[in-house]
Amino acid sequence: MKIICQQLDNLEEIDKFLETYNLPRPNNEEIENLNRQMISEKIESIIKKTSQRKKPRT
């Protein structure tokens, strides 16, 4: 229970900190571009992993 209370305190502190700054928010286009890049990287990673698993047949 103590850990949960500490985590909640930390979250409250983080919220207070973030409220003090007016951080820029990404627009929908920027969000889509970021997501597209992550998806592309995931696809590349999967392709590399599957190609490494395949062994040439003899």
PDB file of N, CA and C in Angstrom:
ATOM      1  N   MET A   1       0.821  -1.196   0.000  1.00  0.00           N
ATOM      2  CA  MET A   1       0.000   0.000   0.000  1.00  0.00           C
ATOM      3  C   MET A   1       0.863   1.257   0.000  1.00  0.00           C
ATOM      4  N   LYS A   2       1.979   1.171   0.691  1.00  0.00           N
ATOM      5  CA  LYS A   2       2.872   2.321   0.767  1.00  0.00           C
ATOM      6  C   LYS A   2       3.409   2.684  -0.623  1.00  0.00           C
ATOM      7  N   ILE A   3       3.726   1.663  -1.406  1.00  0.00           N
ATOM      8  CA  ILE A   3       4.256   1.897  -2.755  1.00  0.00           C
ATOM      9  C   ILE A   3       3.212   2.599  -3.609  1.00  0.00           C
ATOM     10  N   ILE A   4       1.969   2.177  -3.501  1.00  0.00           N
ATOM     11  CA  ILE A   4       0.896   2.781  -4.291  1.00  0.00           C
ATOM     12  C   ILE A   4       0.734   4.249  -3.911  1.00  0.00           C
ATOM     13  N   CYS A   5       0.793   4.550  -2.643  1.00  0.00           N
ATOM     14  CA  CYS A   5       0.686   5.940  -2.181  1.00  0.00           C
ATOM     15  C   CYS A   5       1.854   6.772  -2.702  1.00  0.00           C
ATOM     16  N   GLN A   6       3.055   6.198  -2.702  1.00  0.00           N
ATOM     17  CA  GLN A   6       4.223   6.912  -3.218  1.00  0.00           C
ATOM     18  C   GLN A   6       4.065   7.174  -4.711  1.00  0.00           C
ATOM     19  N   GLN A   7       3.544   6.186  -5.431  1.00  0.00           N
ATOM     20  CA  GLN A   7       3.347   6.360  -6.867  1.00  0.00           C
ATOM     21  C   GLN A   7       2.323   7.452  -7.131  1.00  0.00           C
ATOM     22  N   LEU A   8       1.266   7.466  -6.349  1.00  0.00           N
ATOM     23  CA  LEU A   8       0.248   8.497  -6.525  1.00  0.00           C
ATOM     24  C   LEU A   8       0.818   9.875  -6.220  1.00  0.00           C
ATOM     25  N   ASP A   9       1.624   9.959  -5.177  1.00  0.00           N
ATOM     26  CA  ASP A   9       2.278  11.227  -4.851  1.00  0.00           C
ATOM     27  C   ASP A   9       3.166  11.676  -6.010  1.00  0.00           C
ATOM     28  N   ASN A  10       3.909  10.735  -6.563  1.00  0.00           N
ATOM     29  CA  ASN A  10       4.784  11.060  -7.688  1.00  0.00           C
ATOM     30  C   ASN A  10       3.970  11.537  -8.881  1.00  0.00           C
ATOM     31  N   LEU A  11       2.864  10.892  -9.155  1.00  0.00           N
ATOM     32  CA  LEU A  11       2.013  11.300 -10.270  1.00  0.00           C
ATOM     33  C   LEU A  11       1.461  12.701 -10.047  1.00  0.00           C
ATOM     34  N   GLU A  12       1.076  12.974  -8.826  1.00  0.00           N
ATOM     35  CA  GLU A  12       0.570  14.310  -8.510  1.00  0.00           C
ATOM     36  C   GLU A  12       1.665  15.363  -8.695  1.00  0.00           C
ATOM     37  N   GLU A  13       2.873  15.034  -8.286  1.00  0.00           N
ATOM     38  CA  GLU A  13       3.994  15.952  -8.458  1.00  0.00           C
ATOM     39  C   GLU A  13       4.277  16.178  -9.945  1.00  0.00           C
ATOM     40  N   ILE A  14       4.226  15.122 -10.707  1.00  0.00           N
ATOM     41  CA  ILE A  14       4.448  15.233 -12.147  1.00  0.00           C
ATOM     42  C   ILE A  14       3.372  16.108 -12.773  1.00  0.00           C
ATOM     43  N   ASP A  15       2.124  15.890 -12.383  1.00  0.00           N
ATOM     44  CA  ASP A  15       1.025  16.705 -12.903  1.00  0.00           C
ATOM     45  C   ASP A  15       1.236  18.183 -12.570  1.00  0.00           C
ATOM     46  N   LYS A  16       1.621  18.465 -11.348  1.00  0.00           N
ATOM     47  CA  LYS A  16       1.868  19.851 -10.942  1.00  0.00           C
ATOM     48  C   LYS A  16       2.992  20.458 -11.759  1.00  0.00           C
ATOM     49  N   PHE A  17       4.035  19.695 -11.954  1.00  0.00           N
ATOM     50  CA  PHE A  17       5.167  20.176 -12.740  1.00  0.00           C
ATOM     51  C   PHE A  17       4.741  20.491 -14.167  1.00  0.00           C
ATOM     52  N   LEU A  18       4.010  19.579 -14.779  1.00  0.00           N
ATOM     53  CA  LEU A  18       3.584  19.775 -16.163  1.00  0.00           C
ATOM     54  C   LEU A  18       2.616  20.942 -16.310  1.00  0.00           C
ATOM     55  N   GLU A  19       1.827  21.183 -15.298  1.00  0.00           N
ATOM     56  CA  GLU A  19       0.883  22.302 -15.349  1.00  0.00           C
ATOM     57  C   GLU A  19       1.593  23.652 -15.336  1.00  0.00           C
ATOM     58  N   THR A  20       2.806  23.678 -14.803  1.00  0.00           N
ATOM     59  CA  THR A  20       3.526  24.947 -14.732  1.00  0.00           C
ATOM     60  C   THR A  20       4.101  25.357 -16.082  1.00  0.00           C
ATOM     61  N   TYR A  21       4.187  24.420 -17.008  1.00  0.00           N
ATOM     62  CA  TYR A  21       4.748  24.708 -18.320  1.00  0.00           C
ATOM     63  C   TYR A  21       3.681  24.552 -19.391  1.00  0.00           C
ATOM     64  N   ASN A  22       3.713  25.437 -20.338  1.00  0.00           N
ATOM     65  CA  ASN A  22       2.783  25.370 -21.451  1.00  0.00           C
ATOM     66  C   ASN A  22       3.506  24.703 -22.613  1.00  0.00           C
ATOM     67  N   LEU A  23       3.485  23.385 -22.632  1.00  0.00           N
ATOM     68  CA  LEU A  23       4.213  22.630 -23.640  1.00  0.00           C
ATOM     69  C   LEU A  23       3.428  22.577 -24.940  1.00  0.00           C
ATOM     70  N   PRO A  24       4.122  22.649 -26.073  1.00  0.00           N
ATOM     71  CA  PRO A  24       3.409  22.570 -27.351  1.00  0.00           C
ATOM     72  C   PRO A  24       2.812  21.175 -27.553  1.00  0.00           C
ATOM     73  N   ARG A  25       1.645  21.147 -28.128  1.00  0.00           N
ATOM     74  CA  ARG A  25       0.974  19.886 -28.408  1.00  0.00           C
ATOM     75  C   ARG A  25       1.078  19.589 -29.901  1.00  0.00           C
ATOM     76  N   PRO A  26       1.394  18.347 -30.247  1.00  0.00           N
ATOM     77  CA  PRO A  26       1.456  18.021 -31.678  1.00  0.00           C
ATOM     78  C   PRO A  26       0.055  18.026 -32.293  1.00  0.00           C
ATOM     79  N   ASN A  27      -0.008  18.425 -33.554  1.00  0.00           N
ATOM     80  CA  ASN A  27      -1.293  18.376 -34.236  1.00  0.00           C
ATOM     81  C   ASN A  27      -1.491  16.982 -34.830  1.00  0.00           C
ATOM     82  N   ASN A  28      -2.631  16.738 -35.407  1.00  0.00           N
ATOM     83  CA  ASN A  28      -2.948  15.400 -35.921  1.00  0.00           C
ATOM     84  C   ASN A  28      -1.962  14.930 -36.983  1.00  0.00           C
ATOM     85  N   GLU A  29      -1.558  15.837 -37.848  1.00  0.00           N
ATOM     86  CA  GLU A  29      -0.613  15.464 -38.905  1.00  0.00           C
ATOM     87  C   GLU A  29       0.724  15.022 -38.312  1.00  0.00           C
ATOM     88  N   GLU A  30       1.200  15.749 -37.317  1.00  0.00           N
ATOM     89  CA  GLU A  30       2.460  15.378 -36.668  1.00  0.00           C
ATOM     90  C   GLU A  30       2.342  14.025 -35.963  1.00  0.00           C
ATOM     91  N   ILE A  31       1.220  13.800 -35.326  1.00  0.00           N
ATOM     92  CA  ILE A  31       0.995  12.523 -34.641  1.00  0.00           C
ATOM     93  C   ILE A  31       0.991  11.382 -35.644  1.00  0.00           C
ATOM     94  N   GLU A  32       0.308  11.581 -36.760  1.00  0.00           N
ATOM     95  CA  GLU A  32       0.257  10.533 -37.790  1.00  0.00           C
ATOM     96  C   GLU A  32       1.648  10.236 -38.337  1.00  0.00           C
ATOM     97  N   ASN A  33       2.438  11.275 -38.554  1.00  0.00           N
ATOM     98  CA  ASN A  33       3.798  11.063 -39.051  1.00  0.00           C
ATOM     99  C   ASN A  33       4.647  10.289 -38.055  1.00  0.00           C
ATOM    100  N   LEU A  34       4.514  10.603 -36.795  1.00  0.00           N
ATOM    101  CA  LEU A  34       5.260   9.866 -35.768  1.00  0.00           C
ATOM    102  C   LEU A  34       4.819   8.411 -35.712  1.00  0.00           C
ATOM    103  N   ASN A  35       3.527   8.183 -35.769  1.00  0.00           N
ATOM    104  CA  ASN A  35       3.015   6.815 -35.747  1.00  0.00           C
ATOM    105  C   ASN A  35       3.470   6.040 -36.979  1.00  0.00           C
ATOM    106  N   ARG A  36       3.459   6.690 -38.127  1.00  0.00           N
ATOM    107  CA  ARG A  36       3.869   6.043 -39.371  1.00  0.00           C
ATOM    108  C   ARG A  36       5.319   5.591 -39.261  1.00  0.00           C
ATOM    109  N   GLN A  37       6.156   6.442 -38.702  1.00  0.00           N
ATOM    110  CA  GLN A  37       7.566   6.099 -38.565  1.00  0.00           C
ATOM    111  C   GLN A  37       7.743   4.906 -37.628  1.00  0.00           C
ATOM    112  N   MET A  38       7.014   4.881 -36.521  1.00  0.00           N
ATOM    113  CA  MET A  38       7.123   3.766 -35.579  1.00  0.00           C
ATOM    114  C   MET A  38       6.663   2.468 -36.229  1.00  0.00           C
ATOM    115  N   ILE A  39       5.569   2.530 -36.969  1.00  0.00           N
ATOM    116  CA  ILE A  39       5.054   1.336 -37.628  1.00  0.00           C
ATOM    117  C   ILE A  39       6.062   0.833 -38.649  1.00  0.00           C
ATOM    118  N   SER A  40       6.653   1.738 -39.398  1.00  0.00           N
ATOM    119  CA  SER A  40       7.655   1.372 -40.387  1.00  0.00           C
ATOM    120  C   SER A  40       8.844   0.674 -39.725  1.00  0.00           C
ATOM    121  N   GLU A  41       9.295   1.210 -38.617  1.00  0.00           N
ATOM    122  CA  GLU A  41      10.427   0.609 -37.897  1.00  0.00           C
ATOM    123  C   GLU A  41      10.064  -0.773 -37.365  1.00  0.00           C
ATOM    124  N   LYS A  42       8.831  -0.931 -36.899  1.00  0.00           N
ATOM    125  CA  LYS A  42       8.397  -2.239 -36.399  1.00  0.00           C
ATOM    126  C   LYS A  42       8.361  -3.256 -37.528  1.00  0.00           C
ATOM    127  N   ILE A  43       7.859  -2.844 -38.674  1.00  0.00           N
ATOM    128  CA  ILE A  43       7.795  -3.746 -39.824  1.00  0.00           C
ATOM    129  C   ILE A  43       9.194  -4.175 -40.237  1.00  0.00           C
ATOM    130  N   GLU A  44      10.120  -3.223 -40.312  1.00  0.00           N
ATOM    131  CA  GLU A  44      11.500  -3.546 -40.661  1.00  0.00           C
ATOM    132  C   GLU A  44      12.105  -4.527 -39.663  1.00  0.00           C
ATOM    133  N   SER A  45      11.824  -4.306 -38.396  1.00  0.00           N
ATOM    134  CA  SER A  45      12.348  -5.189 -37.354  1.00  0.00           C
ATOM    135  C   SER A  45      11.812  -6.610 -37.517  1.00  0.00           C
ATOM    136  N   ILE A  46      10.540  -6.718 -37.797  1.00  0.00           N
ATOM    137  CA  ILE A  46       9.926  -8.042 -37.975  1.00  0.00           C
ATOM    138  C   ILE A  46      10.512  -8.737 -39.189  1.00  0.00           C
ATOM    139  N   ILE A  47      10.694  -8.010 -40.271  1.00  0.00           N
ATOM    140  CA  ILE A  47      11.272  -8.597 -41.483  1.00  0.00           C
ATOM    141  C   ILE A  47      12.675  -9.105 -41.205  1.00  0.00           C
ATOM    142  N   LYS A  48      13.467  -8.325 -40.501  1.00  0.00           N
ATOM    143  CA  LYS A  48      14.830  -8.752 -40.174  1.00  0.00           C
ATOM    144  C   LYS A  48      14.829 -10.004 -39.313  1.00  0.00           C
ATOM    145  N   LYS A  49      13.938 -10.045 -38.325  1.00  0.00           N
ATOM    146  CA  LYS A  49      13.877 -11.202 -37.428  1.00  0.00           C
ATOM    147  C   LYS A  49      13.465 -12.458 -38.182  1.00  0.00           C
ATOM    148  N   THR A  50      12.473 -12.348 -39.039  1.00  0.00           N
ATOM    149  CA  THR A  50      12.009 -13.534 -39.755  1.00  0.00           C
ATOM    150  C   THR A  50      13.034 -14.005 -40.774  1.00  0.00           C
ATOM    151  N   SER A  51      13.765 -13.073 -41.388  1.00  0.00           N
ATOM    152  CA  SER A  51      14.768 -13.488 -42.359  1.00  0.00           C
ATOM    153  C   SER A  51      15.953 -14.152 -41.671  1.00  0.00           C
ATOM    154  N   GLN A  52      16.232 -13.772 -40.438  1.00  0.00           N
ATOM    155  CA  GLN A  52      17.324 -14.399 -39.693  1.00  0.00           C
ATOM    156  C   GLN A  52      16.947 -15.809 -39.249  1.00  0.00           C
ATOM    157  N   ARG A  53      15.673 -16.057 -39.012  1.00  0.00           N
ATOM    158  CA  ARG A  53      15.220 -17.378 -38.573  1.00  0.00           C
ATOM    159  C   ARG A  53      15.259 -18.391 -39.699  1.00  0.00           C
ATOM    160  N   LYS A  54      15.006 -17.919 -40.893  1.00  0.00           N
ATOM    161  CA  LYS A  54      14.982 -18.827 -42.032  1.00  0.00           C
ATOM    162  C   LYS A  54      16.394 -19.262 -42.368  1.00  0.00           C
ATOM    163  N   LYS A  55      16.549 -20.536 -42.529  1.00  0.00           N
ATOM    164  CA  LYS A  55      17.848 -21.056 -42.918  1.00  0.00           C
ATOM    165  C   LYS A  55      17.715 -21.598 -44.337  1.00  0.00           C
ATOM    166  N   PRO A  56      18.735 -21.436 -45.121  1.00  0.00           N
ATOM    167  CA  PRO A  56      18.645 -21.955 -46.492  1.00  0.00           C
ATOM    168  C   PRO A  56      18.566 -23.482 -46.487  1.00  0.00           C
ATOM    169  N   ARG A  57      17.731 -23.987 -47.367  1.00  0.00           N
ATOM    170  CA  ARG A  57      17.604 -25.453 -47.488  1.00  0.00           C
ATOM    171  C   ARG A  57      18.737 -26.003 -48.317  1.00  0.00           C
ATOM    172  N   THR A  58      19.163 -27.170 -47.930  1.00  0.00           N
ATOM    173  CA  THR A  58      20.231 -27.807 -48.693  1.00  0.00           C
ATOM    174  C   THR A  58      19.731 -29.010 -49.428  1.00  0.00           C
TER     175      THR A  58
END
